[in-house]
Amino acid sequence: MNITEAVKKRFEELCYEKGLNFCKLASISGVPYTTVKSIFYNQSRNPGIATIKKLCDGLEITITEFFSTEYFEKLEQEIK
């Protein structure tokens, strides 16, 4: 799994837990629908940290809570 996939999976997990789809997530976080859709459909190669933060705000979690999960802890180091 790479970082892009991890971000997508984490948002999918959080939306499932809160009963949201990506349209509703876009609405409550003030992020354009097309941006959120691109994350969910693997069209975004590098979602920015500012976008991730806004989505976290919409989900009412901290960015630390977002990244504090097995998805990110098990990522391989990109530079060796």
C-alpha atoms as a PDB file:
ATOM      1  CA  MET A   1       0.000   0.000   0.000  1.00  0.00           C
ATOM      2  CA  ASN A   2       1.257   3.472  -0.830  1.00  0.00           C
ATOM      3  CA  ILE A   3       0.414   6.790   0.812  1.00  0.00           C
ATOM      4  CA  THR A   4      -2.342   7.643  -1.682  1.00  0.00           C
ATOM      5  CA  GLU A   5      -4.077   4.326  -1.081  1.00  0.00           C
ATOM      6  CA  ALA A   6      -3.697   4.727   2.678  1.00  0.00           C
ATOM      7  CA  VAL A   7      -5.330   8.182   2.591  1.00  0.00           C
ATOM      8  CA  LYS A   8      -8.210   6.822   0.503  1.00  0.00           C
ATOM      9  CA  LYS A   9      -8.747   3.805   2.750  1.00  0.00           C
ATOM     10  CA  ARG A  10      -8.676   5.941   5.884  1.00  0.00           C
ATOM     11  CA  PHE A  11     -11.293   8.347   4.524  1.00  0.00           C
ATOM     12  CA  GLU A  12     -13.445   5.432   3.381  1.00  0.00           C
ATOM     13  CA  GLU A  13     -13.237   3.923   6.860  1.00  0.00           C
ATOM     14  CA  LEU A  14     -14.132   7.191   8.578  1.00  0.00           C
ATOM     15  CA  CYS A  15     -17.026   7.890   6.225  1.00  0.00           C
ATOM     16  CA  TYR A  16     -18.390   4.390   6.804  1.00  0.00           C
ATOM     17  CA  GLU A  17     -18.167   4.870  10.575  1.00  0.00           C
ATOM     18  CA  LYS A  18     -20.036   8.185  10.370  1.00  0.00           C
ATOM     19  CA  GLY A  19     -22.543   7.084   7.726  1.00  0.00           C
ATOM     20  CA  LEU A  20     -21.325   9.549   5.117  1.00  0.00           C
ATOM     21  CA  ASN A  21     -20.675   9.302   1.406  1.00  0.00           C
ATOM     22  CA  PHE A  22     -18.006  11.384  -0.290  1.00  0.00           C
ATOM     23  CA  CYS A  23     -20.595  13.933  -1.489  1.00  0.00           C
ATOM     24  CA  LYS A  24     -21.671  14.643   2.083  1.00  0.00           C
ATOM     25  CA  LEU A  25     -18.028  14.718   3.238  1.00  0.00           C
ATOM     26  CA  ALA A  26     -17.282  17.367   0.621  1.00  0.00           C
ATOM     27  CA  SER A  27     -20.278  19.402   1.736  1.00  0.00           C
ATOM     28  CA  ILE A  28     -19.534  19.368   5.478  1.00  0.00           C
ATOM     29  CA  SER A  29     -15.832  20.069   5.043  1.00  0.00           C
ATOM     30  CA  GLY A  30     -15.998  22.800   2.401  1.00  0.00           C
ATOM     31  CA  VAL A  31     -13.803  20.856  -0.012  1.00  0.00           C
ATOM     32  CA  PRO A  32     -14.911  20.769  -3.655  1.00  0.00           C
ATOM     33  CA  TYR A  33     -16.833  17.639  -4.613  1.00  0.00           C
ATOM     34  CA  THR A  34     -14.420  16.972  -7.480  1.00  0.00           C
ATOM     35  CA  THR A  35     -11.441  17.009  -5.103  1.00  0.00           C
ATOM     36  CA  VAL A  36     -13.021  14.506  -2.727  1.00  0.00           C
ATOM     37  CA  LYS A  37     -14.177  12.347  -5.637  1.00  0.00           C
ATOM     38  CA  SER A  38     -10.626  12.289  -7.008  1.00  0.00           C
ATOM     39  CA  ILE A  39      -9.340  10.972  -3.669  1.00  0.00           C
ATOM     40  CA  PHE A  40     -12.008   8.259  -3.466  1.00  0.00           C
ATOM     41  CA  TYR A  41     -11.484   7.150  -7.079  1.00  0.00           C
ATOM     42  CA  ASN A  42      -7.661   7.146  -6.982  1.00  0.00           C
ATOM     43  CA  GLN A  43      -7.415  10.029  -9.435  1.00  0.00           C
ATOM     44  CA  SER A  44      -5.534  12.205  -6.960  1.00  0.00           C
ATOM     45  CA  ARG A  45      -1.904  11.162  -6.796  1.00  0.00           C
ATOM     46  CA  ASN A  46      -1.011  13.504  -3.972  1.00  0.00           C
ATOM     47  CA  PRO A  47      -3.823  14.944  -1.869  1.00  0.00           C
ATOM     48  CA  GLY A  48      -2.444  17.990  -0.095  1.00  0.00           C
ATOM     49  CA  ILE A  49      -2.157  18.238   3.646  1.00  0.00           C
ATOM     50  CA  ALA A  50      -4.432  21.315   3.664  1.00  0.00           C
ATOM     51  CA  THR A  51      -7.155  19.282   1.924  1.00  0.00           C
ATOM     52  CA  ILE A  52      -6.685  16.379   4.332  1.00  0.00           C
ATOM     53  CA  LYS A  53      -6.942  18.830   7.263  1.00  0.00           C
ATOM     54  CA  LYS A  54     -10.195  20.325   5.945  1.00  0.00           C
ATOM     55  CA  LEU A  55     -11.672  16.855   5.493  1.00  0.00           C
ATOM     56  CA  CYS A  56     -10.622  15.958   9.032  1.00  0.00           C
ATOM     57  CA  ASP A  57     -12.303  19.123  10.296  1.00  0.00           C
ATOM     58  CA  GLY A  58     -15.496  18.061   8.518  1.00  0.00           C
ATOM     59  CA  LEU A  59     -15.246  14.644  10.157  1.00  0.00           C
ATOM     60  CA  GLU A  60     -14.596  16.342  13.508  1.00  0.00           C
ATOM     61  CA  ILE A  61     -11.292  14.580  14.081  1.00  0.00           C
ATOM     62  CA  THR A  62      -7.767  15.896  14.434  1.00  0.00           C
ATOM     63  CA  ILE A  63      -5.187  15.326  11.774  1.00  0.00           C
ATOM     64  CA  THR A  64      -3.251  13.334  14.374  1.00  0.00           C
ATOM     65  CA  GLU A  65      -6.235  11.010  14.769  1.00  0.00           C
ATOM     66  CA  PHE A  66      -6.414  10.647  10.992  1.00  0.00           C
ATOM     67  CA  PHE A  67      -2.796   9.529  10.659  1.00  0.00           C
ATOM     68  CA  SER A  68      -2.710   7.519  13.888  1.00  0.00           C
ATOM     69  CA  THR A  69      -3.720   4.228  12.311  1.00  0.00           C
ATOM     70  CA  GLU A  70      -2.221   1.011  11.043  1.00  0.00           C
ATOM     71  CA  TYR A  71      -2.546   2.201   7.429  1.00  0.00           C
ATOM     72  CA  PHE A  72       0.168   4.768   7.962  1.00  0.00           C
ATOM     73  CA  GLU A  73       2.262   2.898  10.504  1.00  0.00           C
ATOM     74  CA  LYS A  74       2.889   0.077   8.036  1.00  0.00           C
ATOM     75  CA  LEU A  75       3.867   2.202   5.034  1.00  0.00           C
ATOM     76  CA  GLU A  76       7.220   1.360   3.587  1.00  0.00           C
ATOM     77  CA  GLN A  77       9.840   4.060   3.624  1.00  0.00           C
ATOM     78  CA  GLU A  78       9.826   5.835   0.257  1.00  0.00           C
ATOM     79  CA  ILE A  79      13.503   6.818   0.291  1.00  0.00           C
ATOM     80  CA  LYS A  80      16.013   4.150   1.120  1.00  0.00           C
END
